[in-house]
Amino acid sequence: MTVAVAFKIVTPNSKVLDFLGSKVDNMLEMSTLGAGAMLGMLMTSHWVGPLLLVVPVILVNALLSRAGERRTHLERLLREQEQLHQRLAADAHTDYRTGLLNTNGLAEYAGRLAERCRLDGEPMTVLVIDLDHFKRINDTWGHPAGNAVLAEVGRILREKLRPGDVAGRDGGEEFVVALKDTPVAQGVTIAERIREAIGSLAVPTTDKHRNVVTLYGREIQPTEPEGVELQAISASIGVAVIPDNGPDMATAQHSADAALYKAKENGRNQVRVAGLDIPPRLMPTPRQDDITKPITSRTA
């Protein structure tokens, strides 16, 4: 206690309790001092005195050892509980089919990224990606084939994006990507790379009759005539940027989604860049000076 008071004088911002040790440490100190005092008294009275201290010393050490083991066990349980909680939280935000974020995780993490970019004064590009004629894949070759295509698109997005970017599956065959600190020109370049990678896929899978088939992207030129029928994979992408197309993730995603529909109407398998061309009644507090027509970055 004297040393604790001295430390308190030297470091006024510290707490005296920080220098007094834990309960187990103090129990060990008290038992040691008590055993030493008893040993000193008994040694002055009779030679057999020290032998009488063997049992209580063993008991005290056993109790302290058991308390230490229990504390270690509780700490391990707390660590395991924390790891389980983190795993459950990750599973709750993950789409199991693609390994990307699901709708809830996308809204949370992309929203955080948009807010951070806004505070830093940096642009953020939002991509909305939709697989062309995906229902035809499910109807022609079956849902296992569609699931295999979705898994491959998830792999491409994980490989093509940078650390810190956010990508998720927003239901069905639609994906959303948030690119941090990215102006629209760089975002269009990344979108084209993604579109070309999806269009160059070769996905081994099975058809409805469990026959092995390989589905190809529409960017691949088939070497055999029957390969034309297996060219089934391509994607249309809409691009919007914060803050030009809206102040937050929801507004920018809405603009990118409108650009995506323009790409669909214009022939699919292409990237289109959007301005705020959404009807005002669908937009929260639109700005008239932001309403511009979308431009086409590439027509495939």
Protein backbone atom coordinates (compact mmCIF):
# COMPACT_ATOMS: atom_id res chain seq x y z
CA MET A 1 0.00 0.00 0.00
CA THR A 2 2.90 2.31 0.71
CA VAL A 3 4.32 1.68 -2.75
CA ALA A 4 0.85 2.29 -4.26
CA VAL A 5 0.61 5.65 -2.53
CA ALA A 6 4.08 6.54 -3.81
CA PHE A 7 3.07 5.65 -7.38
CA LYS A 8 -0.07 7.76 -6.97
CA ILE A 9 2.03 10.76 -5.99
CA VAL A 10 4.36 10.28 -8.97
CA THR A 11 1.53 9.63 -11.47
CA PRO A 12 -1.53 11.61 -10.29
CA ASN A 13 -3.72 10.44 -13.20
CA SER A 14 -3.42 6.78 -12.22
CA LYS A 15 -5.71 4.91 -9.84
CA VAL A 16 -4.47 3.44 -6.56
CA LEU A 17 -6.40 0.22 -7.27
CA ASP A 18 -4.24 -0.34 -10.36
CA PHE A 19 -1.20 -0.88 -8.11
CA LEU A 20 -2.85 -3.15 -5.51
CA GLY A 21 -2.95 -6.26 -7.69
CA SER A 22 -5.75 -8.75 -8.34
CA LYS A 23 -7.65 -10.75 -5.73
CA VAL A 24 -5.64 -13.89 -6.46
CA ASP A 25 -2.34 -12.00 -6.18
CA ASN A 26 -3.32 -10.55 -2.80
CA MET A 27 -4.49 -13.96 -1.53
CA LEU A 28 -1.12 -15.40 -2.46
CA GLU A 29 0.68 -12.54 -0.72
CA MET A 30 -1.42 -12.87 2.45
CA SER A 31 -1.01 -16.65 2.62
CA THR A 32 2.74 -16.33 2.10
CA LEU A 33 3.08 -13.67 4.81
CA GLY A 34 0.87 -15.64 7.20
CA ALA A 35 2.80 -18.85 6.60
CA GLY A 36 6.07 -17.00 7.14
CA ALA A 37 4.84 -15.49 10.42
CA MET A 38 3.60 -18.88 11.69
CA LEU A 39 6.84 -20.54 10.65
CA GLY A 40 8.86 -17.94 12.53
CA MET A 41 6.77 -18.37 15.69
CA LEU A 42 6.84 -22.17 15.61
CA MET A 43 10.56 -22.37 14.90
CA THR A 44 11.24 -20.37 18.05
CA SER A 45 9.09 -22.72 20.19
CA HIS A 46 9.76 -26.26 18.90
CA TRP A 47 11.65 -27.98 16.09
CA VAL A 48 8.54 -29.87 14.93
CA GLY A 49 6.73 -26.59 14.27
CA PRO A 50 7.77 -26.20 10.63
CA LEU A 51 6.38 -29.66 9.82
CA LEU A 52 2.92 -28.52 10.97
CA LEU A 53 2.89 -25.84 8.25
CA VAL A 54 3.19 -28.35 5.39
CA VAL A 55 -0.54 -29.18 5.28
CA PRO A 56 -1.95 -25.60 5.28
CA VAL A 57 0.64 -24.44 2.75
CA ILE A 58 -0.29 -27.31 0.43
CA LEU A 59 -4.01 -26.54 0.84
CA VAL A 60 -3.53 -22.84 0.11
CA ASN A 61 -1.44 -23.56 -2.96
CA ALA A 62 -4.04 -26.07 -4.17
CA LEU A 63 -6.86 -23.54 -3.74
CA LEU A 64 -4.91 -20.84 -5.56
CA SER A 65 -4.01 -23.23 -8.35
CA ARG A 66 -7.64 -24.27 -8.73
CA ALA A 67 -8.74 -20.63 -8.76
CA GLY A 68 -6.18 -19.88 -11.46
CA GLU A 69 -7.36 -22.82 -13.58
CA ARG A 70 -10.97 -21.71 -13.21
CA ARG A 71 -10.05 -18.18 -14.23
CA THR A 72 -8.19 -19.48 -17.29
CA HIS A 73 -11.19 -21.65 -18.18
CA LEU A 74 -13.59 -18.70 -17.92
CA GLU A 75 -11.31 -16.54 -20.05
CA ARG A 76 -11.21 -19.27 -22.70
CA LEU A 77 -15.01 -19.55 -22.64
CA LEU A 78 -15.30 -15.78 -23.08
CA ARG A 79 -12.91 -15.86 -26.05
CA GLU A 80 -14.84 -18.72 -27.65
CA GLN A 81 -18.12 -16.88 -27.08
CA GLU A 82 -16.72 -13.75 -28.69
CA GLN A 83 -15.44 -15.74 -31.68
CA LEU A 84 -18.84 -17.43 -32.03
CA HIS A 85 -20.57 -14.06 -31.88
CA GLN A 86 -18.30 -12.70 -34.61
CA ARG A 87 -18.89 -15.80 -36.75
CA LEU A 88 -22.66 -15.52 -36.35
CA ALA A 89 -22.52 -11.82 -37.20
CA ALA A 90 -20.50 -12.60 -40.33
CA ASP A 91 -22.91 -15.38 -41.35
CA ALA A 92 -25.87 -13.04 -40.86
CA HIS A 93 -24.32 -10.62 -43.38
CA THR A 94 -23.05 -13.18 -45.92
CA ASP A 95 -24.73 -14.69 -48.96
CA TYR A 96 -23.80 -18.36 -48.72
CA ARG A 97 -24.10 -19.00 -52.47
CA THR A 98 -21.60 -16.36 -53.63
CA GLY A 99 -19.56 -15.58 -50.51
CA LEU A 100 -20.42 -11.90 -50.90
CA LEU A 101 -22.49 -9.73 -48.58
CA ASN A 102 -26.23 -10.27 -48.53
CA THR A 103 -28.80 -7.46 -48.68
CA ASN A 104 -28.49 -6.59 -44.98
CA GLY A 105 -24.69 -6.65 -45.00
CA LEU A 106 -24.59 -4.62 -48.21
CA ALA A 107 -26.83 -1.91 -46.77
CA GLU A 108 -24.73 -1.69 -43.59
CA TYR A 109 -21.19 -1.80 -44.98
CA ALA A 110 -21.85 0.15 -48.18
CA GLY A 111 -23.68 2.79 -46.14
CA ARG A 112 -20.67 3.12 -43.83
CA LEU A 113 -18.31 3.38 -46.80
CA ALA A 114 -20.46 6.09 -48.41
CA GLU A 115 -20.51 8.08 -45.18
CA ARG A 116 -16.74 7.80 -44.78
CA CYS A 117 -16.15 8.96 -48.37
CA ARG A 118 -18.54 11.86 -47.80
CA LEU A 119 -16.66 12.97 -44.69
CA ASP A 120 -13.32 12.66 -46.53
CA GLY A 121 -14.67 14.59 -49.51
CA GLU A 122 -13.92 11.69 -51.89
CA PRO A 123 -16.25 10.29 -54.60
CA MET A 124 -17.66 6.77 -54.39
CA THR A 125 -18.83 4.86 -57.45
CA VAL A 126 -21.75 2.45 -57.24
CA LEU A 127 -22.20 -0.41 -59.71
CA VAL A 128 -25.43 -2.34 -60.15
CA ILE A 129 -24.78 -5.58 -62.05
CA ASP A 130 -27.50 -7.80 -63.46
CA LEU A 131 -26.97 -11.09 -65.32
CA ASP A 132 -28.67 -11.06 -68.70
CA HIS A 133 -31.43 -13.61 -69.36
CA PHE A 134 -30.59 -15.44 -66.13
CA LYS A 135 -34.07 -16.98 -65.96
CA ARG A 136 -33.35 -18.65 -69.29
CA ILE A 137 -30.34 -20.39 -67.71
CA ASN A 138 -32.49 -21.79 -64.91
CA ASP A 139 -35.28 -22.81 -67.30
CA THR A 140 -32.97 -24.42 -69.87
CA TRP A 141 -30.33 -26.15 -67.74
CA GLY A 142 -31.86 -26.13 -64.25
CA HIS A 143 -31.23 -24.30 -60.99
CA PRO A 144 -27.91 -26.07 -60.22
CA ALA A 145 -26.51 -24.50 -63.39
CA GLY A 146 -27.81 -21.08 -62.34
CA ASN A 147 -26.30 -21.51 -58.89
CA ALA A 148 -22.94 -22.41 -60.42
CA VAL A 149 -23.01 -19.23 -62.51
CA LEU A 150 -23.85 -17.12 -59.46
CA ALA A 151 -20.94 -18.66 -57.55
CA GLU A 152 -18.53 -17.84 -60.38
CA VAL A 153 -19.73 -14.25 -60.57
CA GLY A 154 -19.14 -13.96 -56.82
CA ARG A 155 -15.60 -15.24 -57.31
CA ILE A 156 -14.94 -12.69 -60.07
CA LEU A 157 -16.13 -9.81 -57.90
CA ARG A 158 -13.92 -10.92 -55.00
CA GLU A 159 -10.92 -11.12 -57.34
CA LYS A 160 -11.47 -7.92 -59.30
CA LEU A 161 -12.21 -5.58 -56.40
CA ARG A 162 -9.69 -3.83 -54.17
CA PRO A 163 -9.38 -4.16 -50.40
CA GLY A 164 -11.88 -1.80 -48.85
CA ASP A 165 -14.42 -2.01 -51.69
CA VAL A 166 -17.81 -3.53 -50.88
CA ALA A 167 -19.67 -6.09 -52.99
CA GLY A 168 -22.89 -7.95 -52.31
CA ARG A 169 -25.67 -9.94 -53.90
CA ASP A 170 -28.86 -7.92 -53.73
CA GLY A 171 -31.22 -10.79 -54.38
CA GLY A 172 -31.68 -13.03 -57.43
CA GLU A 173 -29.13 -12.34 -60.14
CA GLU A 174 -28.41 -8.71 -59.16
CA PHE A 175 -25.16 -7.59 -57.55
CA VAL A 176 -24.16 -4.22 -56.11
CA VAL A 177 -20.60 -2.91 -55.77
CA ALA A 178 -19.41 0.17 -53.88
CA LEU A 179 -15.98 1.45 -54.96
CA LYS A 180 -14.28 3.67 -52.40
CA ASP A 181 -12.49 6.90 -53.42
CA THR A 182 -13.36 6.24 -57.06
CA PRO A 183 -14.42 8.87 -59.64
CA VAL A 184 -16.81 7.92 -62.40
CA ALA A 185 -14.15 7.39 -65.10
CA GLN A 186 -12.24 4.89 -62.98
CA GLY A 187 -15.52 3.27 -61.94
CA VAL A 188 -16.48 2.74 -65.60
CA THR A 189 -13.09 1.10 -66.24
CA ILE A 190 -13.61 -1.30 -63.35
CA ALA A 191 -17.17 -2.00 -64.51
CA GLU A 192 -15.92 -2.87 -68.01
CA ARG A 193 -13.34 -5.26 -66.55
CA ILE A 194 -16.05 -6.97 -64.54
CA ARG A 195 -18.38 -7.17 -67.54
CA GLU A 196 -15.66 -8.65 -69.74
CA ALA A 197 -14.65 -11.16 -67.05
CA ILE A 198 -18.27 -12.32 -66.66
CA GLY A 199 -18.62 -12.55 -70.44
CA SER A 200 -15.48 -14.71 -70.61
CA LEU A 201 -16.61 -17.28 -68.06
CA ALA A 202 -16.61 -21.02 -68.69
CA VAL A 203 -18.71 -22.68 -65.98
CA PRO A 204 -18.75 -26.51 -65.76
CA THR A 205 -22.11 -27.67 -64.43
CA THR A 206 -24.92 -30.17 -65.07
CA ASP A 207 -28.18 -29.85 -66.94
CA LYS A 208 -31.64 -31.00 -65.89
CA HIS A 209 -30.76 -34.59 -66.80
CA ARG A 210 -27.52 -34.50 -64.81
CA ASN A 211 -25.41 -34.44 -67.95
CA VAL A 212 -22.15 -32.51 -67.65
CA VAL A 213 -22.21 -29.28 -69.65
CA THR A 214 -20.12 -26.13 -69.73
CA LEU A 215 -21.84 -22.77 -70.01
CA TYR A 216 -19.85 -20.01 -71.72
CA GLY A 217 -19.87 -16.25 -71.64
CA ARG A 218 -21.01 -14.32 -74.66
CA GLU A 219 -17.52 -12.84 -75.09
CA ILE A 220 -16.14 -16.29 -75.98
CA GLN A 221 -16.13 -17.38 -79.60
CA PRO A 222 -17.24 -21.06 -79.71
CA THR A 223 -15.04 -23.48 -81.63
CA GLU A 224 -17.91 -25.86 -82.39
CA PRO A 225 -21.37 -25.08 -83.80
CA GLU A 226 -23.22 -26.51 -80.79
CA GLY A 227 -21.23 -24.19 -78.55
CA VAL A 228 -23.40 -21.26 -79.65
CA GLU A 229 -26.30 -22.67 -77.68
CA LEU A 230 -24.15 -22.73 -74.54
CA GLN A 231 -23.25 -19.02 -74.79
CA ALA A 232 -25.54 -17.90 -72.01
CA ILE A 233 -23.58 -15.68 -69.63
CA SER A 234 -23.29 -11.90 -69.82
CA ALA A 235 -24.03 -8.91 -67.61
CA SER A 236 -25.40 -5.40 -67.90
CA ILE A 237 -24.02 -2.79 -65.51
CA GLY A 238 -25.32 0.57 -64.38
CA VAL A 239 -22.88 3.11 -62.90
CA ALA A 240 -23.56 6.05 -60.59
CA VAL A 241 -21.28 8.17 -58.43
CA ILE A 242 -21.67 9.89 -55.07
CA PRO A 243 -22.14 12.86 -54.75
CA ASP A 244 -22.94 13.63 -58.43
CA ASN A 245 -25.81 11.15 -58.56
CA GLY A 246 -27.00 11.57 -55.00
CA PRO A 247 -25.71 12.21 -51.49
CA ASP A 248 -26.02 8.67 -50.13
CA MET A 249 -25.85 5.00 -51.04
CA ALA A 250 -29.59 4.50 -51.51
CA THR A 251 -29.96 7.41 -53.94
CA ALA A 252 -26.85 6.49 -55.95
CA GLN A 253 -27.95 2.85 -56.16
CA HIS A 254 -31.34 4.01 -57.44
CA SER A 255 -29.63 6.04 -60.19
CA ALA A 256 -27.34 3.13 -61.09
CA ASP A 257 -30.36 0.85 -61.26
CA ALA A 258 -32.03 3.23 -63.73
CA ALA A 259 -28.86 3.20 -65.86
CA LEU A 260 -28.94 -0.59 -65.72
CA TYR A 261 -32.43 -0.63 -67.23
CA LYS A 262 -31.18 1.67 -69.98
CA ALA A 263 -28.46 -0.89 -70.70
CA LYS A 264 -31.08 -3.64 -70.84
CA GLU A 265 -33.23 -1.64 -73.22
CA ASN A 266 -30.23 -0.84 -75.40
CA GLY A 267 -29.29 -4.47 -76.04
CA ARG A 268 -27.70 -5.79 -72.81
CA ASN A 269 -24.08 -6.83 -72.18
CA GLN A 270 -22.90 -3.24 -71.74
CA VAL A 271 -22.08 -0.54 -69.20
CA ARG A 272 -24.09 2.66 -68.89
CA VAL A 273 -23.42 5.69 -66.72
CA ALA A 274 -26.33 7.50 -65.09
CA GLY A 275 -27.11 11.03 -64.14
CA LEU A 276 -30.05 11.90 -61.93
CA ASP A 277 -32.64 11.04 -64.59
CA ILE A 278 -35.05 9.42 -62.12
CA PRO A 279 -38.52 11.03 -61.92
CA PRO A 280 -38.54 13.57 -59.04
CA ARG A 281 -41.38 11.81 -57.25
CA LEU A 282 -39.15 8.76 -56.76
CA MET A 283 -36.17 10.70 -55.48
CA PRO A 284 -35.67 12.15 -51.98
CA THR A 285 -35.11 15.93 -52.29
CA PRO A 286 -33.76 15.96 -55.88
CA ARG A 287 -31.66 18.83 -57.17
CA GLN A 288 -32.72 20.28 -60.53
CA ASP A 289 -29.17 21.14 -61.57
CA ASP A 290 -28.15 17.47 -61.28
CA ILE A 291 -30.71 16.13 -63.76
CA THR A 292 -28.73 15.03 -66.82
CA LYS A 293 -29.04 12.33 -69.41
CA PRO A 294 -27.01 9.10 -69.00
CA ILE A 295 -24.15 8.41 -71.39
CA THR A 296 -23.03 5.12 -72.87
CA SER A 297 -19.50 3.99 -72.02
CA ARG A 298 -19.52 0.94 -74.29
CA THR A 299 -22.07 -0.89 -76.38
CA ALA A 300 -21.40 -4.60 -76.88
